[in-house]
Amino acid sequence: MTEPTPDPSPDDQTPPPPVEQQRAELAETVEALTQKLDVPTRVKAAASDTAHTAQVKAKENPQPLAALGAASVVAIIAIVLLRRRRRSKGNL
C-alpha cells in the first residue's frame, strides 16, 4: 500500500516565483516548442545553411567546382555525339 508522504517542514518551503516570472518562463517554453514543431521552417533553414556552406567551400577551393563543370561539359558533348551517331545509322 502507499505510505503517506511526510509534510515538509516550514523551513524547506520556498515561496513560489512571482506570476510574471512564471508567465515569462511559460512563454519561453511555448516558443521553444513552437519552433521545434515548425518543420517546414526548420527544413528551409537547414537547406539555407547547407547552401551557404557549399558556397563558402566553393569560393575557398574552386578546383573541384571547375572539375565538375568540365566533366559536365564533356558528358554533354558525349551524349550529343552518341545521339548523332545513332540517328545517322538509323537513316541508312
PDB file of N, CA and C in Angstrom:
ATOM      1  N   MET A   1       0.832  -1.169   0.000  1.00  0.00           N
ATOM      2  CA  MET A   1       0.000   0.000   0.000  1.00  0.00           C
ATOM      3  C   MET A   1       0.882   1.240   0.000  1.00  0.00           C
ATOM      4  N   THR A   2       0.296   2.335  -0.267  1.00  0.00           N
ATOM      5  CA  THR A   2       1.078   3.559  -0.328  1.00  0.00           C
ATOM      6  C   THR A   2       1.216   4.162   1.051  1.00  0.00           C
ATOM      7  N   GLU A   3       2.374   4.727   1.256  1.00  0.00           N
ATOM      8  CA  GLU A   3       2.625   5.384   2.531  1.00  0.00           C
ATOM      9  C   GLU A   3       2.361   6.866   2.378  1.00  0.00           C
ATOM     10  N   PRO A   4       1.834   7.482   3.371  1.00  0.00           N
ATOM     11  CA  PRO A   4       1.595   8.918   3.259  1.00  0.00           C
ATOM     12  C   PRO A   4       2.923   9.664   3.196  1.00  0.00           C
ATOM     13  N   THR A   5       2.934  10.680   2.394  1.00  0.00           N
ATOM     14  CA  THR A   5       4.153  11.471   2.294  1.00  0.00           C
ATOM     15  C   THR A   5       4.250  12.387   3.503  1.00  0.00           C
ATOM     16  N   PRO A   6       5.442  12.501   4.032  1.00  0.00           N
ATOM     17  CA  PRO A   6       5.579  13.370   5.203  1.00  0.00           C
ATOM     18  C   PRO A   6       5.418  14.834   4.804  1.00  0.00           C
ATOM     19  N   ASP A   7       4.858  15.598   5.683  1.00  0.00           N
ATOM     20  CA  ASP A   7       4.698  17.030   5.428  1.00  0.00           C
ATOM     21  C   ASP A   7       6.060  17.698   5.498  1.00  0.00           C
ATOM     22  N   PRO A   8       6.384  18.501   4.508  1.00  0.00           N
ATOM     23  CA  PRO A   8       7.672  19.191   4.567  1.00  0.00           C
ATOM     24  C   PRO A   8       7.648  20.224   5.688  1.00  0.00           C
ATOM     25  N   SER A   9       8.792  20.397   6.251  1.00  0.00           N
ATOM     26  CA  SER A   9       8.871  21.371   7.342  1.00  0.00           C
ATOM     27  C   SER A   9       8.745  22.775   6.761  1.00  0.00           C
ATOM     28  N   PRO A  10       8.285  23.721   7.519  1.00  0.00           N
ATOM     29  CA  PRO A  10       8.126  25.090   7.010  1.00  0.00           C
ATOM     30  C   PRO A  10       9.447  25.695   6.554  1.00  0.00           C
ATOM     31  N   ASP A  11      10.576  25.213   7.067  1.00  0.00           N
ATOM     32  CA  ASP A  11      11.873  25.746   6.661  1.00  0.00           C
ATOM     33  C   ASP A  11      12.232  25.332   5.227  1.00  0.00           C
ATOM     34  N   ASP A  12      11.734  24.163   4.772  1.00  0.00           N
ATOM     35  CA  ASP A  12      12.065  23.643   3.441  1.00  0.00           C
ATOM     36  C   ASP A  12      11.258  24.306   2.332  1.00  0.00           C
ATOM     37  N   GLN A  13      10.148  24.922   2.681  1.00  0.00           N
ATOM     38  CA  GLN A  13       9.290  25.506   1.656  1.00  0.00           C
ATOM     39  C   GLN A  13       9.811  26.880   1.244  1.00  0.00           C
ATOM     40  N   THR A  14       9.870  27.071  -0.070  1.00  0.00           N
ATOM     41  CA  THR A  14      10.231  28.380  -0.588  1.00  0.00           C
ATOM     42  C   THR A  14       8.997  28.961  -1.256  1.00  0.00           C
ATOM     43  N   PRO A  15       8.856  30.244  -1.213  1.00  0.00           N
ATOM     44  CA  PRO A  15       7.659  30.820  -1.836  1.00  0.00           C
ATOM     45  C   PRO A  15       7.720  30.627  -3.342  1.00  0.00           C
ATOM     46  N   PRO A  16       6.569  30.450  -3.977  1.00  0.00           N
ATOM     47  CA  PRO A  16       6.566  30.270  -5.440  1.00  0.00           C
ATOM     48  C   PRO A  16       7.040  31.554  -6.120  1.00  0.00           C
ATOM     49  N   PRO A  17       7.589  31.409  -7.322  1.00  0.00           N
ATOM     50  CA  PRO A  17       8.055  32.605  -8.028  1.00  0.00           C
ATOM     51  C   PRO A  17       6.866  33.504  -8.389  1.00  0.00           C
ATOM     52  N   PRO A  18       7.107  34.765  -8.617  1.00  0.00           N
ATOM     53  CA  PRO A  18       6.015  35.671  -8.973  1.00  0.00           C
ATOM     54  C   PRO A  18       5.328  35.231 -10.260  1.00  0.00           C
ATOM     55  N   VAL A  19       4.089  35.633 -10.398  1.00  0.00           N
ATOM     56  CA  VAL A  19       3.288  35.233 -11.555  1.00  0.00           C
ATOM     57  C   VAL A  19       3.928  35.711 -12.854  1.00  0.00           C
ATOM     58  N   GLU A  20       4.478  36.906 -12.855  1.00  0.00           N
ATOM     59  CA  GLU A  20       5.105  37.433 -14.068  1.00  0.00           C
ATOM     60  C   GLU A  20       6.262  36.543 -14.521  1.00  0.00           C
ATOM     61  N   GLN A  21       7.049  36.067 -13.568  1.00  0.00           N
ATOM     62  CA  GLN A  21       8.176  35.196 -13.887  1.00  0.00           C
ATOM     63  C   GLN A  21       7.673  33.865 -14.433  1.00  0.00           C
ATOM     64  N   GLN A  22       6.626  33.332 -13.820  1.00  0.00           N
ATOM     65  CA  GLN A  22       6.058  32.069 -14.297  1.00  0.00           C
ATOM     66  C   GLN A  22       5.524  32.231 -15.722  1.00  0.00           C
ATOM     67  N   ARG A  23       4.864  33.356 -15.990  1.00  0.00           N
ATOM     68  CA  ARG A  23       4.340  33.600 -17.345  1.00  0.00           C
ATOM     69  C   ARG A  23       5.473  33.718 -18.354  1.00  0.00           C
ATOM     70  N   ALA A  24       6.532  34.404 -17.987  1.00  0.00           N
ATOM     71  CA  ALA A  24       7.670  34.558 -18.901  1.00  0.00           C
ATOM     72  C   ALA A  24       8.306  33.206 -19.204  1.00  0.00           C
ATOM     73  N   GLU A  25       8.474  32.376 -18.171  1.00  0.00           N
ATOM     74  CA  GLU A  25       9.053  31.042 -18.376  1.00  0.00           C
ATOM     75  C   GLU A  25       8.138  30.193 -19.249  1.00  0.00           C
ATOM     76  N   LEU A  26       6.840  30.278 -19.024  1.00  0.00           N
ATOM     77  CA  LEU A  26       5.888  29.514 -19.822  1.00  0.00           C
ATOM     78  C   LEU A  26       5.910  29.992 -21.275  1.00  0.00           C
ATOM     79  N   ALA A  27       5.995  31.298 -21.482  1.00  0.00           N
ATOM     80  CA  ALA A  27       6.058  31.840 -22.845  1.00  0.00           C
ATOM     81  C   ALA A  27       7.315  31.360 -23.562  1.00  0.00           C
ATOM     82  N   GLU A  28       8.443  31.322 -22.871  1.00  0.00           N
ATOM     83  CA  GLU A  28       9.686  30.820 -23.468  1.00  0.00           C
ATOM     84  C   GLU A  28       9.546  29.353 -23.849  1.00  0.00           C
ATOM     85  N   THR A  29       8.923  28.577 -22.983  1.00  0.00           N
ATOM     86  CA  THR A  29       8.737  27.150 -23.252  1.00  0.00           C
ATOM     87  C   THR A  29       7.834  26.943 -24.466  1.00  0.00           C
ATOM     88  N   VAL A  30       6.743  27.683 -24.511  1.00  0.00           N
ATOM     89  CA  VAL A  30       5.819  27.555 -25.643  1.00  0.00           C
ATOM     90  C   VAL A  30       6.514  27.970 -26.934  1.00  0.00           C
ATOM     91  N   GLU A  31       7.294  29.035 -26.909  1.00  0.00           N
ATOM     92  CA  GLU A  31       8.023  29.498 -28.090  1.00  0.00           C
ATOM     93  C   GLU A  31       9.021  28.436 -28.559  1.00  0.00           C
ATOM     94  N   ALA A  32       9.730  27.834 -27.618  1.00  0.00           N
ATOM     95  CA  ALA A  32      10.694  26.792 -27.979  1.00  0.00           C
ATOM     96  C   ALA A  32       9.995  25.591 -28.603  1.00  0.00           C
ATOM     97  N   LEU A  33       8.871  25.194 -28.049  1.00  0.00           N
ATOM     98  CA  LEU A  33       8.123  24.065 -28.612  1.00  0.00           C
ATOM     99  C   LEU A  33       7.566  24.403 -29.989  1.00  0.00           C
ATOM    100  N   THR A  34       7.097  25.627 -30.165  1.00  0.00           N
ATOM    101  CA  THR A  34       6.569  26.048 -31.463  1.00  0.00           C
ATOM    102  C   THR A  34       7.654  25.989 -32.525  1.00  0.00           C
ATOM    103  N   GLN A  35       8.839  26.478 -32.193  1.00  0.00           N
ATOM    104  CA  GLN A  35       9.944  26.440 -33.151  1.00  0.00           C
ATOM    105  C   GLN A  35      10.348  25.009 -33.471  1.00  0.00           C
ATOM    106  N   LYS A  36      10.322  24.148 -32.468  1.00  0.00           N
ATOM    107  CA  LYS A  36      10.726  22.761 -32.675  1.00  0.00           C
ATOM    108  C   LYS A  36       9.724  22.022 -33.558  1.00  0.00           C
ATOM    109  N   LEU A  37       8.452  22.371 -33.454  1.00  0.00           N
ATOM    110  CA  LEU A  37       7.418  21.682 -34.219  1.00  0.00           C
ATOM    111  C   LEU A  37       7.202  22.285 -35.606  1.00  0.00           C
ATOM    112  N   ASP A  38       7.817  23.414 -35.920  1.00  0.00           N
ATOM    113  CA  ASP A  38       7.662  24.056 -37.214  1.00  0.00           C
ATOM    114  C   ASP A  38       8.674  23.452 -38.191  1.00  0.00           C
ATOM    115  N   VAL A  39       8.340  22.280 -38.703  1.00  0.00           N
ATOM    116  CA  VAL A  39       9.257  21.513 -39.540  1.00  0.00           C
ATOM    117  C   VAL A  39       9.588  22.220 -40.859  1.00  0.00           C
ATOM    118  N   PRO A  40       8.611  22.787 -41.583  1.00  0.00           N
ATOM    119  CA  PRO A  40       8.975  23.442 -42.848  1.00  0.00           C
ATOM    120  C   PRO A  40      10.007  24.562 -42.663  1.00  0.00           C
ATOM    121  N   THR A  41       9.859  25.342 -41.625  1.00  0.00           N
ATOM    122  CA  THR A  41      10.822  26.415 -41.389  1.00  0.00           C
ATOM    123  C   THR A  41      12.184  25.851 -41.044  1.00  0.00           C
ATOM    124  N   ARG A  42      12.214  24.785 -40.258  1.00  0.00           N
ATOM    125  CA  ARG A  42      13.487  24.169 -39.897  1.00  0.00           C
ATOM    126  C   ARG A  42      14.173  23.584 -41.118  1.00  0.00           C
ATOM    127  N   VAL A  43      13.400  22.985 -42.033  1.00  0.00           N
ATOM    128  CA  VAL A  43      13.977  22.403 -43.251  1.00  0.00           C
ATOM    129  C   VAL A  43      14.556  23.512 -44.127  1.00  0.00           C
ATOM    130  N   LYS A  44      13.808  24.616 -44.271  1.00  0.00           N
ATOM    131  CA  LYS A  44      14.308  25.735 -45.071  1.00  0.00           C
ATOM    132  C   LYS A  44      15.592  26.304 -44.472  1.00  0.00           C
ATOM    133  N   ALA A  45      15.628  26.416 -43.161  1.00  0.00           N
ATOM    134  CA  ALA A  45      16.829  26.946 -42.504  1.00  0.00           C
ATOM    135  C   ALA A  45      18.012  26.011 -42.719  1.00  0.00           C
ATOM    136  N   ALA A  46      17.783  24.710 -42.605  1.00  0.00           N
ATOM    137  CA  ALA A  46      18.863  23.745 -42.808  1.00  0.00           C
ATOM    138  C   ALA A  46      19.352  23.780 -44.255  1.00  0.00           C
ATOM    139  N   ALA A  47      18.434  23.900 -45.208  1.00  0.00           N
ATOM    140  CA  ALA A  47      18.824  23.971 -46.613  1.00  0.00           C
ATOM    141  C   ALA A  47      19.617  25.248 -46.887  1.00  0.00           C
ATOM    142  N   SER A  48      19.182  26.326 -46.285  1.00  0.00           N
ATOM    143  CA  SER A  48      19.901  27.596 -46.456  1.00  0.00           C
ATOM    144  C   SER A  48      21.309  27.507 -45.879  1.00  0.00           C
ATOM    145  N   ASP A  49      21.432  26.911 -44.707  1.00  0.00           N
ATOM    146  CA  ASP A  49      22.753  26.738 -44.092  1.00  0.00           C
ATOM    147  C   ASP A  49      23.661  25.873 -44.962  1.00  0.00           C
ATOM    148  N   THR A  50      23.106  24.796 -45.510  1.00  0.00           N
ATOM    149  CA  THR A  50      23.883  23.899 -46.357  1.00  0.00           C
ATOM    150  C   THR A  50      24.329  24.606 -47.639  1.00  0.00           C
ATOM    151  N   ALA A  51      23.419  25.378 -48.229  1.00  0.00           N
ATOM    152  CA  ALA A  51      23.768  26.111 -49.448  1.00  0.00           C
ATOM    153  C   ALA A  51      24.857  27.139 -49.157  1.00  0.00           C
ATOM    154  N   HIS A  52      24.742  27.816 -48.043  1.00  0.00           N
ATOM    155  CA  HIS A  52      25.760  28.813 -47.678  1.00  0.00           C
ATOM    156  C   HIS A  52      27.123  28.139 -47.473  1.00  0.00           C
ATOM    157  N   THR A  53      27.122  27.004 -46.791  1.00  0.00           N
ATOM    158  CA  THR A  53      28.367  26.268 -46.563  1.00  0.00           C
ATOM    159  C   THR A  53      28.987  25.832 -47.890  1.00  0.00           C
ATOM    160  N   ALA A  54      28.152  25.373 -48.813  1.00  0.00           N
ATOM    161  CA  ALA A  54      28.661  24.953 -50.124  1.00  0.00           C
ATOM    162  C   ALA A  54      29.251  26.141 -50.887  1.00  0.00           C
ATOM    163  N   GLN A  55      28.594  27.293 -50.798  1.00  0.00           N
ATOM    164  CA  GLN A  55      29.119  28.482 -51.480  1.00  0.00           C
ATOM    165  C   GLN A  55      30.464  28.893 -50.904  1.00  0.00           C
ATOM    166  N   VAL A  56      30.577  28.855 -49.594  1.00  0.00           N
ATOM    167  CA  VAL A  56      31.830  29.240 -48.945  1.00  0.00           C
ATOM    168  C   VAL A  56      32.947  28.287 -49.353  1.00  0.00           C
ATOM    169  N   LYS A  57      32.661  26.986 -49.355  1.00  0.00           N
ATOM    170  CA  LYS A  57      33.673  25.999 -49.734  1.00  0.00           C
ATOM    171  C   LYS A  57      34.060  26.150 -51.204  1.00  0.00           C
ATOM    172  N   ALA A  58      33.087  26.468 -52.061  1.00  0.00           N
ATOM    173  CA  ALA A  58      33.382  26.647 -53.488  1.00  0.00           C
ATOM    174  C   ALA A  58      34.277  27.863 -53.702  1.00  0.00           C
ATOM    175  N   LYS A  59      34.066  28.909 -52.935  1.00  0.00           N
ATOM    176  CA  LYS A  59      34.909  30.097 -53.064  1.00  0.00           C
ATOM    177  C   LYS A  59      36.308  29.850 -52.521  1.00  0.00           C
ATOM    178  N   GLU A  60      36.399  29.054 -51.454  1.00  0.00           N
ATOM    179  CA  GLU A  60      37.707  28.765 -50.855  1.00  0.00           C
ATOM    180  C   GLU A  60      38.546  27.852 -51.744  1.00  0.00           C
ATOM    181  N   ASN A  61      37.903  26.905 -52.418  1.00  0.00           N
ATOM    182  CA  ASN A  61      38.628  25.929 -53.230  1.00  0.00           C
ATOM    183  C   ASN A  61      37.868  25.717 -54.539  1.00  0.00           C
ATOM    184  N   PRO A  62      38.116  26.532 -55.549  1.00  0.00           N
ATOM    185  CA  PRO A  62      37.349  26.454 -56.793  1.00  0.00           C
ATOM    186  C   PRO A  62      37.733  25.292 -57.700  1.00  0.00           C
ATOM    187  N   GLN A  63      38.805  24.579 -57.442  1.00  0.00           N
ATOM    188  CA  GLN A  63      39.230  23.494 -58.323  1.00  0.00           C
ATOM    189  C   GLN A  63      38.199  22.382 -58.453  1.00  0.00           C
ATOM    190  N   PRO A  64      37.617  21.871 -57.369  1.00  0.00           N
ATOM    191  CA  PRO A  64      36.599  20.829 -57.543  1.00  0.00           C
ATOM    192  C   PRO A  64      35.394  21.328 -58.337  1.00  0.00           C
ATOM    193  N   LEU A  65      35.024  22.574 -58.137  1.00  0.00           N
ATOM    194  CA  LEU A  65      33.901  23.131 -58.887  1.00  0.00           C
ATOM    195  C   LEU A  65      34.235  23.216 -60.374  1.00  0.00           C
ATOM    196  N   ALA A  66      35.445  23.633 -60.698  1.00  0.00           N
ATOM    197  CA  ALA A  66      35.874  23.711 -62.093  1.00  0.00           C
ATOM    198  C   ALA A  66      35.932  22.312 -62.710  1.00  0.00           C
ATOM    199  N   ALA A  67      36.413  21.345 -61.966  1.00  0.00           N
ATOM    200  CA  ALA A  67      36.487  19.967 -62.468  1.00  0.00           C
ATOM    201  C   ALA A  67      35.087  19.413 -62.723  1.00  0.00           C
ATOM    202  N   LEU A  68      34.162  19.720 -61.841  1.00  0.00           N
ATOM    203  CA  LEU A  68      32.783  19.268 -62.024  1.00  0.00           C
ATOM    204  C   LEU A  68      32.176  19.915 -63.265  1.00  0.00           C
ATOM    205  N   GLY A  69      32.443  21.191 -63.458  1.00  0.00           N
ATOM    206  CA  GLY A  69      31.935  21.881 -64.647  1.00  0.00           C
ATOM    207  C   GLY A  69      32.509  21.290 -65.923  1.00  0.00           C
ATOM    208  N   ALA A  70      33.810  21.018 -65.920  1.00  0.00           N
ATOM    209  CA  ALA A  70      34.447  20.428 -67.100  1.00  0.00           C
ATOM    210  C   ALA A  70      33.896  19.036 -67.380  1.00  0.00           C
ATOM    211  N   ALA A  71      33.701  18.252 -66.343  1.00  0.00           N
ATOM    212  CA  ALA A  71      33.153  16.904 -66.514  1.00  0.00           C
ATOM    213  C   ALA A  71      31.732  16.972 -67.070  1.00  0.00           C
ATOM    214  N   SER A  72      30.971  17.951 -66.641  1.00  0.00           N
ATOM    215  CA  SER A  72      29.609  18.118 -67.161  1.00  0.00           C
ATOM    216  C   SER A  72      29.618  18.459 -68.634  1.00  0.00           C
ATOM    217  N   VAL A  73      30.513  19.340 -69.036  1.00  0.00           N
ATOM    218  CA  VAL A  73      30.617  19.724 -70.453  1.00  0.00           C
ATOM    219  C   VAL A  73      31.015  18.510 -71.293  1.00  0.00           C
ATOM    220  N   VAL A  74      31.974  17.733 -70.840  1.00  0.00           N
ATOM    221  CA  VAL A  74      32.403  16.531 -71.566  1.00  0.00           C
ATOM    222  C   VAL A  74      31.249  15.540 -71.679  1.00  0.00           C
ATOM    223  N   ALA A  75      30.489  15.363 -70.600  1.00  0.00           N
ATOM    224  CA  ALA A  75      29.357  14.426 -70.621  1.00  0.00           C
ATOM    225  C   ALA A  75      28.297  14.888 -71.610  1.00  0.00           C
ATOM    226  N   ILE A  76      28.009  16.169 -71.661  1.00  0.00           N
ATOM    227  CA  ILE A  76      27.006  16.686 -72.598  1.00  0.00           C
ATOM    228  C   ILE A  76      27.470  16.490 -74.037  1.00  0.00           C
ATOM    229  N   ILE A  77      28.730  16.766 -74.309  1.00  0.00           N
ATOM    230  CA  ILE A  77      29.268  16.574 -75.664  1.00  0.00           C
ATOM    231  C   ILE A  77      29.189  15.107 -76.062  1.00  0.00           C
ATOM    232  N   ALA A  78      29.535  14.212 -75.144  1.00  0.00           N
ATOM    233  CA  ALA A  78      29.481  12.775 -75.436  1.00  0.00           C
ATOM    234  C   ALA A  78      28.045  12.341 -75.735  1.00  0.00           C
ATOM    235  N   ILE A  79      27.089  12.833 -75.003  1.00  0.00           N
ATOM    236  CA  ILE A  79      25.685  12.470 -75.239  1.00  0.00           C
ATOM    237  C   ILE A  79      25.231  12.969 -76.610  1.00  0.00           C
ATOM    238  N   VAL A  80      25.577  14.187 -76.948  1.00  0.00           N
ATOM    239  CA  VAL A  80      25.196  14.747 -78.250  1.00  0.00           C
ATOM    240  C   VAL A  80      25.814  13.928 -79.380  1.00  0.00           C
ATOM    241  N   LEU A  81      27.100  13.590 -79.278  1.00  0.00           N
ATOM    242  CA  LEU A  81      27.763  12.803 -80.330  1.00  0.00           C
ATOM    243  C   LEU A  81      27.151  11.414 -80.467  1.00  0.00           C
ATOM    244  N   LEU A  82      26.838  10.765 -79.344  1.00  0.00           N
ATOM    245  CA  LEU A  82      26.219   9.439 -79.402  1.00  0.00           C
ATOM    246  C   LEU A  82      24.850   9.497 -80.061  1.00  0.00           C
ATOM    247  N   ARG A  83      24.085  10.504 -79.767  1.00  0.00           N
ATOM    248  CA  ARG A  83      22.763  10.629 -80.389  1.00  0.00           C
ATOM    249  C   ARG A  83      22.886  10.866 -81.893  1.00  0.00           C
ATOM    250  N   ARG A  84      23.849  11.661 -82.306  1.00  0.00           N
ATOM    251  CA  ARG A  84      24.045  11.902 -83.733  1.00  0.00           C
ATOM    252  C   ARG A  84      24.439  10.617 -84.456  1.00  0.00           C
ATOM    253  N   ARG A  85      25.297   9.811 -83.825  1.00  0.00           N
ATOM    254  CA  ARG A  85      25.714   8.542 -84.446  1.00  0.00           C
ATOM    255  C   ARG A  85      24.521   7.608 -84.596  1.00  0.00           C
ATOM    256  N   ARG A  86      23.704   7.534 -83.544  1.00  0.00           N
ATOM    257  CA  ARG A  86      22.545   6.640 -83.613  1.00  0.00           C
ATOM    258  C   ARG A  86      21.570   7.092 -84.690  1.00  0.00           C
ATOM    259  N   ARG A  87      21.357   8.384 -84.811  1.00  0.00           N
ATOM    260  CA  ARG A  87      20.458   8.901 -85.832  1.00  0.00           C
ATOM    261  C   ARG A  87      20.988   8.654 -87.234  1.00  0.00           C
ATOM    262  N   SER A  88      22.307   8.835 -87.407  1.00  0.00           N
ATOM    263  CA  SER A  88      22.881   8.630 -88.730  1.00  0.00           C
ATOM    264  C   SER A  88      22.849   7.154 -89.122  1.00  0.00           C
ATOM    265  N   LYS A  89      22.997   6.241 -88.194  1.00  0.00           N
ATOM    266  CA  LYS A  89      22.921   4.799 -88.501  1.00  0.00           C
ATOM    267  C   LYS A  89      21.492   4.392 -88.832  1.00  0.00           C
ATOM    268  N   GLY A  90      20.534   5.029 -88.175  1.00  0.00           N
ATOM    269  CA  GLY A  90      19.127   4.692 -88.413  1.00  0.00           C
ATOM    270  C   GLY A  90      18.623   5.211 -89.752  1.00  0.00           C
ATOM    271  N   ASN A  91      19.216   6.222 -90.333  1.00  0.00           N
ATOM    272  CA  ASN A  91      18.779   6.798 -91.611  1.00  0.00           C
ATOM    273  C   ASN A  91      19.290   6.037 -92.811  1.00  0.00           C
ATOM    274  N   LEU A  92      20.298   5.177 -92.658  1.00  0.00           N
ATOM    275  CA  LEU A  92      20.874   4.442 -93.790  1.00  0.00           C
ATOM    276  C   LEU A  92      20.023   3.337 -94.270  1.00  0.00           C
TER     277      LEU A  92
END
